[in-house]
Amino acid sequence: MSASSSLRSFGTALRTLLVLTVLLGILYPAAILLVGRAMPAAADGSLVSDHGKVVGSSLIGQDFTGDTWFHPRPSAGKYDALNSGASNLAPTSKDLAKQIDDLRAQVAKTENVSPDKVPADALTASASGLDPDISPEYARLQSARVAAARHLSEETVARLVREHTEEPLLGFIGVPTVNVLELNLALEHAAGSEAQ
């Protein structure tokens, strides 16, 4: 290879490096930053605020206990975002069957219903263990308990569940869901407004 051919190859490689550096090192990150800034809630972790204080993320489940709150799905990782994951128990596992039976009895007792009325999402954790949503059926099952504990009418609580039920994307992709954090915040505000 001649010296002029080597210089031409070097020049081509240098120009390619500069063009790719500008495209992928400057323009692409700037475009992604602009898109992210156009949707700040999603780009910043879908944080949920109440009276100016961040109380959680609409994408990560939290544990709510007590009769005054809607309860989330069970979590294999105890709602710890650093411990995200499933239990890894097989569908044929006797331990999983016992966990489900115990949870079914516990939820049926808490909600004062027959065990066969307890929906599946009240008994099983999601793959991440951090699913922030429950089914509308599970939310409705909890409505009577929550209404009684908060001294609200069952219609008020049922209306909040309806208002916070998200329908499937395009009407057919996925299933209807209720975000537990957002529903509990709305419940807290409804309780405050009815008390006034």
Protein backbone atom coordinates (compact mmCIF):
# COMPACT_ATOMS: atom_id res chain seq x y z
CA MET A 1 0.00 0.00 0.00
CA SER A 2 1.42 3.35 -1.01
CA ALA A 3 1.86 6.32 1.32
CA SER A 4 -0.83 8.36 -0.52
CA SER A 5 -3.28 5.45 -0.28
CA SER A 6 -2.56 5.14 3.44
CA LEU A 7 -3.13 8.88 3.94
CA ARG A 8 -6.42 8.69 2.02
CA SER A 9 -7.58 5.77 4.20
CA PHE A 10 -6.53 7.63 7.33
CA GLY A 11 -8.39 10.76 6.17
CA THR A 12 -11.54 8.73 5.45
CA ALA A 13 -11.36 7.03 8.86
CA LEU A 14 -10.85 10.40 10.60
CA ARG A 15 -13.81 12.01 8.79
CA THR A 16 -15.98 8.98 9.64
CA LEU A 17 -14.92 9.24 13.28
CA LEU A 18 -15.77 12.96 13.40
CA VAL A 19 -19.16 12.52 11.69
CA LEU A 20 -20.13 9.61 13.97
CA THR A 21 -18.92 11.50 17.05
CA VAL A 22 -21.11 14.48 16.17
CA LEU A 23 -24.11 12.28 15.28
CA LEU A 24 -23.95 9.73 18.09
CA GLY A 25 -22.06 11.68 20.73
CA ILE A 26 -23.81 15.05 20.46
CA LEU A 27 -26.94 15.11 18.27
CA TYR A 28 -28.48 11.79 19.37
CA PRO A 29 -28.09 12.44 23.14
CA ALA A 30 -29.41 15.99 22.65
CA ALA A 31 -32.47 14.64 20.81
CA ILE A 32 -33.14 12.07 23.55
CA LEU A 33 -32.78 14.79 26.21
CA LEU A 34 -35.27 17.01 24.37
CA VAL A 35 -37.78 14.18 24.05
CA GLY A 36 -37.34 13.41 27.75
CA ARG A 37 -37.87 17.05 28.71
CA ALA A 38 -41.06 17.09 26.61
CA MET A 39 -42.39 14.31 28.89
CA PRO A 40 -40.87 15.17 32.28
CA ALA A 41 -43.12 12.91 34.36
CA ALA A 42 -42.14 9.79 32.43
CA ALA A 43 -38.48 10.79 32.12
CA ASP A 44 -38.15 11.43 35.86
CA GLY A 45 -39.63 8.13 37.00
CA SER A 46 -43.36 8.96 36.96
CA LEU A 47 -43.14 10.44 40.44
CA VAL A 48 -46.40 11.16 42.25
CA SER A 49 -46.60 14.24 44.47
CA ASP A 50 -49.13 15.21 47.10
CA HIS A 51 -49.11 18.80 48.34
CA GLY A 52 -45.63 19.30 46.83
CA LYS A 53 -44.11 16.21 48.48
CA VAL A 54 -43.12 13.15 46.44
CA VAL A 55 -45.01 10.17 47.85
CA GLY A 56 -43.99 7.50 45.36
CA SER A 57 -43.94 6.47 41.74
CA SER A 58 -46.97 5.42 39.73
CA LEU A 59 -44.78 2.64 38.27
CA ILE A 60 -43.62 0.97 41.51
CA GLY A 61 -45.93 -0.78 43.96
CA GLN A 62 -45.91 0.15 47.62
CA ASP A 63 -47.19 -1.68 50.67
CA PHE A 64 -50.37 -0.24 52.16
CA THR A 65 -51.67 -1.92 55.29
CA GLY A 66 -54.66 -1.34 57.51
CA ASP A 67 -58.35 -1.19 56.83
CA THR A 68 -58.30 2.45 55.66
CA TRP A 69 -56.26 1.70 52.52
CA PHE A 70 -56.63 -0.31 49.35
CA HIS A 71 -54.07 -3.09 49.46
CA PRO A 72 -51.71 -3.90 46.57
CA ARG A 73 -50.79 -7.23 45.07
CA PRO A 74 -48.47 -9.40 47.14
CA SER A 75 -44.75 -8.84 46.57
CA ALA A 76 -42.10 -11.56 46.60
CA GLY A 77 -39.48 -8.86 47.32
CA LYS A 78 -41.41 -7.08 50.10
CA TYR A 79 -41.97 -4.02 47.85
CA ASP A 80 -38.23 -3.29 47.83
CA ALA A 81 -37.25 -1.85 44.43
CA LEU A 82 -33.71 -3.13 44.95
CA ASN A 83 -35.07 -6.65 45.43
CA SER A 84 -37.30 -6.76 42.38
CA GLY A 85 -38.21 -10.21 41.16
CA ALA A 86 -40.52 -13.15 41.46
CA SER A 87 -40.42 -15.95 44.01
CA ASN A 88 -39.26 -18.39 41.32
CA LEU A 89 -41.58 -21.05 42.68
CA ALA A 90 -42.87 -23.37 39.98
CA PRO A 91 -46.62 -23.65 39.30
CA THR A 92 -46.43 -27.19 40.69
CA SER A 93 -44.66 -26.09 43.89
CA LYS A 94 -46.33 -27.17 47.13
CA ASP A 95 -44.92 -24.06 48.81
CA LEU A 96 -46.60 -21.83 46.22
CA ALA A 97 -49.90 -23.69 46.62
CA LYS A 98 -49.71 -23.22 50.40
CA GLN A 99 -48.88 -19.50 50.01
CA ILE A 100 -51.87 -19.04 47.73
CA ASP A 101 -54.20 -20.97 50.06
CA ASP A 102 -52.99 -18.93 53.07
CA LEU A 103 -53.41 -15.63 51.19
CA ARG A 104 -56.86 -16.67 49.94
CA ALA A 105 -58.00 -17.36 53.51
CA GLN A 106 -56.44 -14.13 54.79
CA VAL A 107 -57.97 -11.92 52.06
CA ALA A 108 -61.37 -13.63 52.40
CA LYS A 109 -61.34 -12.97 56.14
CA THR A 110 -60.14 -9.35 55.76
CA GLU A 111 -62.74 -8.56 53.09
CA ASN A 112 -65.47 -10.70 54.69
CA VAL A 113 -66.16 -12.69 51.51
CA SER A 114 -66.16 -16.30 50.45
CA PRO A 115 -62.67 -17.58 49.50
CA ASP A 116 -63.88 -18.34 45.95
CA LYS A 117 -64.58 -14.59 45.46
CA VAL A 118 -60.91 -13.61 45.90
CA PRO A 119 -59.36 -12.63 42.52
CA ALA A 120 -56.04 -14.06 41.35
CA ASP A 121 -54.11 -10.79 41.62
CA ALA A 122 -54.83 -10.73 45.38
CA LEU A 123 -53.04 -14.08 45.66
CA THR A 124 -50.04 -13.88 43.35
CA ALA A 125 -47.14 -11.48 42.98
CA SER A 126 -46.23 -10.03 39.61
CA ALA A 127 -42.99 -11.05 37.87
CA SER A 128 -41.26 -7.95 39.24
CA GLY A 129 -42.95 -8.08 42.64
CA LEU A 130 -43.54 -4.33 42.23
CA ASP A 131 -46.70 -4.13 40.12
CA PRO A 132 -48.40 -0.86 41.13
CA ASP A 133 -51.78 -1.96 39.77
CA ILE A 134 -54.57 -4.26 40.86
CA SER A 135 -57.60 -5.46 38.95
CA PRO A 136 -60.86 -3.51 39.23
CA GLU A 137 -62.34 -6.70 40.74
CA TYR A 138 -59.82 -6.66 43.58
CA ALA A 139 -60.41 -2.94 44.13
CA ARG A 140 -64.20 -3.47 44.26
CA LEU A 141 -63.72 -6.37 46.69
CA GLN A 142 -61.90 -4.00 49.08
CA SER A 143 -64.35 -1.09 48.70
CA ALA A 144 -66.75 -2.02 51.50
CA ARG A 145 -63.93 -2.43 54.03
CA VAL A 146 -62.30 0.86 53.06
CA ALA A 147 -65.60 2.77 53.06
CA ALA A 148 -66.49 1.48 56.53
CA ALA A 149 -63.03 2.20 57.96
CA ARG A 150 -63.02 5.75 56.59
CA HIS A 151 -66.69 6.46 57.33
CA LEU A 152 -67.33 7.17 53.65
CA SER A 153 -70.31 6.06 51.63
CA GLU A 154 -69.75 2.93 49.57
CA GLU A 155 -70.90 4.92 46.50
CA THR A 156 -68.10 7.47 47.05
CA VAL A 157 -65.50 4.71 47.23
CA ALA A 158 -67.01 2.87 44.25
CA ARG A 159 -66.92 6.12 42.24
CA LEU A 160 -63.22 6.57 43.08
CA VAL A 161 -62.51 3.02 41.90
CA ARG A 162 -64.36 3.69 38.63
CA GLU A 163 -62.54 7.00 38.11
CA HIS A 164 -59.14 5.36 38.67
CA THR A 165 -59.74 2.32 36.46
CA GLU A 166 -57.57 2.49 33.37
CA GLU A 167 -58.98 0.69 30.37
CA PRO A 168 -56.76 -1.44 28.08
CA LEU A 169 -54.63 0.42 25.54
CA LEU A 170 -56.66 0.95 22.34
CA GLY A 171 -59.48 -0.92 24.05
CA PHE A 172 -57.95 -4.37 23.60
CA ILE A 173 -54.24 -4.41 24.56
CA GLY A 174 -53.92 -5.56 28.16
CA VAL A 175 -56.54 -5.62 30.89
CA PRO A 176 -58.25 -2.93 32.98
CA THR A 177 -56.14 -1.88 35.98
CA VAL A 178 -56.34 0.37 39.03
CA ASN A 179 -53.19 2.12 40.29
CA VAL A 180 -53.18 1.58 44.07
CA LEU A 181 -51.09 4.65 44.98
CA GLU A 182 -53.21 7.02 42.91
CA LEU A 183 -56.44 5.48 44.22
CA ASN A 184 -55.27 5.78 47.83
CA LEU A 185 -54.30 9.44 47.29
CA ALA A 186 -57.75 10.15 45.82
CA LEU A 187 -59.28 8.31 48.77
CA GLU A 188 -57.31 10.46 51.22
CA HIS A 189 -58.50 13.64 49.49
CA ALA A 190 -62.10 12.41 49.37
CA ALA A 191 -62.02 11.62 53.08
CA GLY A 192 -60.70 15.12 53.79
CA SER A 193 -63.37 16.81 51.66
CA GLU A 194 -66.24 14.77 53.16
CA ALA A 195 -65.01 15.60 56.66
CA GLN A 196 -65.32 19.35 55.98
